[in-house]
Amino acid sequence: GEEQECRGEKQGSLHVWKSELTEVEDDTSPRHSSSPACEYG
């Protein structure tokens, strides 16, 4: 169940992550750290 949930959340916040990550490509924001680890694989 975790994987499925993770995937669903990822799809919804994918564009947001890409947009935010593009700005902080070098620096990993702390708030992203608390996000689903599945994003990093």
C-alpha atoms as a PDB file:
ATOM      1  CA  GLY A   1       0.000   0.000   0.000  1.00  0.00           C
ATOM      2  CA  GLU A   2       2.831   2.390   0.698  1.00  0.00           C
ATOM      3  CA  GLU A   3       4.148   2.286  -2.862  1.00  0.00           C
ATOM      4  CA  GLN A   4       0.707   2.980  -4.338  1.00  0.00           C
ATOM      5  CA  GLU A   5       0.111   5.894  -1.967  1.00  0.00           C
ATOM      6  CA  CYS A   6       3.540   7.264  -2.699  1.00  0.00           C
ATOM      7  CA  ARG A   7       2.973   7.052  -6.435  1.00  0.00           C
ATOM      8  CA  GLY A   8      -0.349   8.861  -6.206  1.00  0.00           C
ATOM      9  CA  GLU A   9       1.129  11.691  -4.170  1.00  0.00           C
ATOM     10  CA  LYS A  10       4.149  11.877  -6.460  1.00  0.00           C
ATOM     11  CA  GLN A  11       2.032  12.303  -9.582  1.00  0.00           C
ATOM     12  CA  GLY A  12       0.071  15.121  -7.962  1.00  0.00           C
ATOM     13  CA  SER A  13       3.128  16.935  -6.605  1.00  0.00           C
ATOM     14  CA  LEU A  14       5.470  15.973  -9.433  1.00  0.00           C
ATOM     15  CA  HIS A  15       5.107  19.259 -11.294  1.00  0.00           C
ATOM     16  CA  VAL A  16       5.456  21.165  -8.007  1.00  0.00           C
ATOM     17  CA  TRP A  17       8.625  19.292  -7.073  1.00  0.00           C
ATOM     18  CA  LYS A  18      10.188  19.789 -10.496  1.00  0.00           C
ATOM     19  CA  SER A  19       9.357  23.483 -10.365  1.00  0.00           C
ATOM     20  CA  GLU A  20      10.744  23.930  -6.833  1.00  0.00           C
ATOM     21  CA  LEU A  21      13.706  21.626  -7.338  1.00  0.00           C
ATOM     22  CA  THR A  22      14.700  23.574 -10.438  1.00  0.00           C
ATOM     23  CA  GLU A  23      15.205  26.643  -8.253  1.00  0.00           C
ATOM     24  CA  VAL A  24      17.009  24.805  -5.457  1.00  0.00           C
ATOM     25  CA  GLU A  25      18.831  22.277  -7.609  1.00  0.00           C
ATOM     26  CA  ASP A  26      22.108  22.696  -5.728  1.00  0.00           C
ATOM     27  CA  ASP A  27      20.538  23.060  -2.284  1.00  0.00           C
ATOM     28  CA  THR A  28      18.091  20.413  -1.086  1.00  0.00           C
ATOM     29  CA  SER A  29      15.307  22.155   0.830  1.00  0.00           C
ATOM     30  CA  PRO A  30      14.616  20.725   4.307  1.00  0.00           C
ATOM     31  CA  ARG A  31      10.871  20.567   3.696  1.00  0.00           C
ATOM     32  CA  HIS A  32      11.518  18.268   0.747  1.00  0.00           C
ATOM     33  CA  SER A  33      13.446  16.020   3.130  1.00  0.00           C
ATOM     34  CA  SER A  34      10.237  15.247   5.023  1.00  0.00           C
ATOM     35  CA  SER A  35       8.489  14.419   1.756  1.00  0.00           C
ATOM     36  CA  PRO A  36       7.919  10.821   0.590  1.00  0.00           C
ATOM     37  CA  ALA A  37      11.286   9.064   0.324  1.00  0.00           C
ATOM     38  CA  CYS A  38       9.918   7.162  -2.677  1.00  0.00           C
ATOM     39  CA  GLU A  39      10.680  10.264  -4.741  1.00  0.00           C
ATOM     40  CA  TYR A  40      14.372   9.640  -4.240  1.00  0.00           C
ATOM     41  CA  GLY A  41      13.903   5.910  -4.695  1.00  0.00           C
END
